[in-house]
C-alpha atoms as a PDB file:
ATOM      1  CA  UNK A   1      -6.266  30.757  39.177  1.00  0.00           C
ATOM      2  CA  UNK A   2      -6.643  28.448  36.192  1.00  0.00           C
ATOM      3  CA  UNK A   3      -4.833  25.184  35.876  1.00  0.00           C
ATOM      4  CA  UNK A   4      -2.556  25.000  32.848  1.00  0.00           C
ATOM      5  CA  UNK A   5      -2.412  22.000  30.518  1.00  0.00           C
ATOM      6  CA  UNK A   6       0.661  19.876  30.802  1.00  0.00           C
ATOM      7  CA  UNK A   7       2.368  19.119  27.465  1.00  0.00           C
ATOM      8  CA  UNK A   8       2.365  15.366  28.096  1.00  0.00           C
ATOM      9  CA  UNK A   9      -1.404  15.351  27.782  1.00  0.00           C
ATOM     10  CA  UNK A  10      -1.155  16.664  24.267  1.00  0.00           C
ATOM     11  CA  UNK A  11       1.230  13.888  23.258  1.00  0.00           C
ATOM     12  CA  UNK A  12      -1.763  11.542  23.389  1.00  0.00           C
ATOM     13  CA  UNK A  13      -3.191  13.456  20.420  1.00  0.00           C
ATOM     14  CA  UNK A  14      -0.200  12.547  18.267  1.00  0.00           C
ATOM     15  CA  UNK A  15       0.176   8.891  19.250  1.00  0.00           C
ATOM     16  CA  UNK A  16      -2.459   7.321  16.953  1.00  0.00           C
ATOM     17  CA  UNK A  17      -1.287   9.270  13.910  1.00  0.00           C
ATOM     18  CA  UNK A  18       2.348   8.648  14.786  1.00  0.00           C
ATOM     19  CA  UNK A  19       1.628   4.909  14.943  1.00  0.00           C
ATOM     20  CA  UNK A  20       0.009   5.052  11.516  1.00  0.00           C
ATOM     21  CA  UNK A  21       2.931   7.039  10.081  1.00  0.00           C
ATOM     22  CA  UNK A  22       5.507   4.584  11.429  1.00  0.00           C
ATOM     23  CA  UNK A  23       3.459   1.707  10.004  1.00  0.00           C
ATOM     24  CA  UNK A  24       3.223   3.448   6.636  1.00  0.00           C
ATOM     25  CA  UNK A  25       6.973   4.033   6.385  1.00  0.00           C
ATOM     26  CA  UNK A  26       7.855   0.545   7.654  1.00  0.00           C
ATOM     27  CA  UNK A  27       5.475  -1.256   5.280  1.00  0.00           C
ATOM     28  CA  UNK A  28       6.564   0.530   2.153  1.00  0.00           C
ATOM     29  CA  UNK A  29      10.242   0.391   3.088  1.00  0.00           C
ATOM     30  CA  UNK A  30      10.004  -3.348   3.718  1.00  0.00           C
ATOM     31  CA  UNK A  31       8.103  -3.829   0.467  1.00  0.00           C
ATOM     32  CA  UNK A  32      10.830  -2.033  -1.440  1.00  0.00           C
ATOM     33  CA  UNK A  33      13.536  -4.105   0.231  1.00  0.00           C
ATOM     34  CA  UNK A  34      11.729  -7.377  -0.478  1.00  0.00           C
ATOM     35  CA  UNK A  35      11.477  -6.545  -4.172  1.00  0.00           C
ATOM     36  CA  UNK A  36      14.895  -4.934  -4.642  1.00  0.00           C
ATOM     37  CA  UNK A  37      16.916  -7.521  -2.751  1.00  0.00           C
ATOM     38  CA  UNK A  38      15.019 -10.559  -4.008  1.00  0.00           C
ATOM     39  CA  UNK A  39      14.078 -11.721  -0.542  1.00  0.00           C
ATOM     40  CA  UNK A  40      11.455 -14.380  -0.133  1.00  0.00           C
ATOM     41  CA  UNK A  41       8.131 -12.786  -0.996  1.00  0.00           C
ATOM     42  CA  UNK A  42       6.001 -14.923   1.362  1.00  0.00           C
ATOM     43  CA  UNK A  43       8.308 -14.072   4.259  1.00  0.00           C
ATOM     44  CA  UNK A  44       8.222 -10.389   3.310  1.00  0.00           C
ATOM     45  CA  UNK A  45       4.441 -10.379   3.103  1.00  0.00           C
ATOM     46  CA  UNK A  46       4.257 -12.197   6.456  1.00  0.00           C
ATOM     47  CA  UNK A  47       6.514  -9.525   7.960  1.00  0.00           C
ATOM     48  CA  UNK A  48       4.326  -6.757   6.565  1.00  0.00           C
ATOM     49  CA  UNK A  49       1.183  -8.441   7.893  1.00  0.00           C
ATOM     50  CA  UNK A  50       2.909  -8.786  11.275  1.00  0.00           C
ATOM     51  CA  UNK A  51       3.772  -5.086  11.305  1.00  0.00           C
ATOM     52  CA  UNK A  52       0.167  -4.285  10.419  1.00  0.00           C
ATOM     53  CA  UNK A  53      -1.130  -6.375  13.311  1.00  0.00           C
ATOM     54  CA  UNK A  54       1.299  -4.695  15.705  1.00  0.00           C
ATOM     55  CA  UNK A  55       0.199  -1.247  14.516  1.00  0.00           C
ATOM     56  CA  UNK A  56      -3.494  -2.144  14.844  1.00  0.00           C
ATOM     57  CA  UNK A  57      -2.990  -3.472  18.378  1.00  0.00           C
ATOM     58  CA  UNK A  58      -0.998  -0.376  19.404  1.00  0.00           C
ATOM     59  CA  UNK A  59      -3.612   2.013  18.026  1.00  0.00           C
ATOM     60  CA  UNK A  60      -6.452   0.017  19.573  1.00  0.00           C
ATOM     61  CA  UNK A  61      -4.673   0.145  22.936  1.00  0.00           C
ATOM     62  CA  UNK A  62      -4.204   3.910  22.675  1.00  0.00           C
ATOM     63  CA  UNK A  63      -7.859   4.397  21.720  1.00  0.00           C
ATOM     64  CA  UNK A  64      -9.122   2.085  24.452  1.00  0.00           C
ATOM     65  CA  UNK A  65      -6.964   3.819  27.047  1.00  0.00           C
ATOM     66  CA  UNK A  66      -8.253   7.220  25.923  1.00  0.00           C
ATOM     67  CA  UNK A  67     -11.872   6.028  25.910  1.00  0.00           C
ATOM     68  CA  UNK A  68     -11.587   4.583  29.428  1.00  0.00           C
ATOM     69  CA  UNK A  69      -9.937   7.777  30.690  1.00  0.00           C
ATOM     70  CA  UNK A  70     -12.731   9.760  29.077  1.00  0.00           C
ATOM     71  CA  UNK A  71     -15.388   7.675  30.809  1.00  0.00           C
ATOM     72  CA  UNK A  72     -13.685   8.188  34.195  1.00  0.00           C
ATOM     73  CA  UNK A  73     -13.358  11.968  33.812  1.00  0.00           C
ATOM     74  CA  UNK A  74     -15.709  14.329  35.489  1.00  0.00           C
ATOM     75  CA  UNK A  75     -17.167  17.388  33.829  1.00  0.00           C
ATOM     76  CA  UNK A  76     -14.706  19.706  35.569  1.00  0.00           C
ATOM     77  CA  UNK A  77     -11.531  18.753  33.645  1.00  0.00           C
ATOM     78  CA  UNK A  78     -12.401  20.132  30.219  1.00  0.00           C
ATOM     79  CA  UNK A  79      -8.860  20.145  28.820  1.00  0.00           C
ATOM     80  CA  UNK A  80      -8.186  16.506  29.639  1.00  0.00           C
ATOM     81  CA  UNK A  81     -11.660  15.500  28.510  1.00  0.00           C
ATOM     82  CA  UNK A  82     -11.151  17.222  25.158  1.00  0.00           C
ATOM     83  CA  UNK A  83      -7.755  15.560  24.714  1.00  0.00           C
ATOM     84  CA  UNK A  84      -9.175  12.115  25.384  1.00  0.00           C
ATOM     85  CA  UNK A  85     -12.156  12.693  23.056  1.00  0.00           C
ATOM     86  CA  UNK A  86      -9.913  13.766  20.204  1.00  0.00           C
ATOM     87  CA  UNK A  87      -7.478  10.911  20.897  1.00  0.00           C
ATOM     88  CA  UNK A  88     -10.345   8.420  20.722  1.00  0.00           C
ATOM     89  CA  UNK A  89     -11.525   9.821  17.401  1.00  0.00           C
ATOM     90  CA  UNK A  90      -8.006   9.941  15.980  1.00  0.00           C
ATOM     91  CA  UNK A  91      -7.530   6.309  17.020  1.00  0.00           C
ATOM     92  CA  UNK A  92     -10.534   5.289  14.936  1.00  0.00           C
ATOM     93  CA  UNK A  93      -9.233   7.350  12.018  1.00  0.00           C
ATOM     94  CA  UNK A  94      -5.776   5.790  12.376  1.00  0.00           C
ATOM     95  CA  UNK A  95      -7.211   2.260  12.460  1.00  0.00           C
ATOM     96  CA  UNK A  96      -8.984   2.948   9.178  1.00  0.00           C
ATOM     97  CA  UNK A  97      -5.801   4.467   7.731  1.00  0.00           C
ATOM     98  CA  UNK A  98      -3.707   1.432   8.695  1.00  0.00           C
ATOM     99  CA  UNK A  99      -6.256  -0.928   7.166  1.00  0.00           C
ATOM    100  CA  UNK A 100      -6.392   1.195   4.020  1.00  0.00           C
ATOM    101  CA  UNK A 101      -2.590   1.218   3.812  1.00  0.00           C
ATOM    102  CA  UNK A 102      -2.435  -2.557   4.291  1.00  0.00           C
ATOM    103  CA  UNK A 103      -5.089  -3.448   1.696  1.00  0.00           C
ATOM    104  CA  UNK A 104      -2.616  -3.688  -1.197  1.00  0.00           C
ATOM    105  CA  UNK A 105      -0.700  -6.327   0.787  1.00  0.00           C
ATOM    106  CA  UNK A 106      -3.637  -8.668   0.569  1.00  0.00           C
ATOM    107  CA  UNK A 107      -4.892  -7.845  -2.913  1.00  0.00           C
ATOM    108  CA  UNK A 108      -1.805  -7.208  -5.032  1.00  0.00           C
ATOM    109  CA  UNK A 109       1.414  -9.148  -5.605  1.00  0.00           C
ATOM    110  CA  UNK A 110       4.215  -7.317  -3.766  1.00  0.00           C
ATOM    111  CA  UNK A 111       6.743  -7.009  -6.596  1.00  0.00           C
ATOM    112  CA  UNK A 112       4.842  -6.328  -9.786  1.00  0.00           C
END
């Protein structure tokens, strides 16, 4: 009898990309509010940088957790091993995506 995969294991696959998506929406929403409402631009940029740091730490934690779980797994649990491998790779991809999304914060003025 084969062991079925539990759905909670597959939620790990979505976590890095979900973190990036939340960061993406939050950054560009905050940027729009800063410009439209005339809020202090340095405070708005500091908030966006803070959100970026939080997203990077969350994704790094997810990736590190997946990598450590992968290293502890034996060869017999193929489904869990695959999930952790893909989660680790998606964490790296999400880190790059967050950095790419945050680059305009550092290089461009927020309201021009």
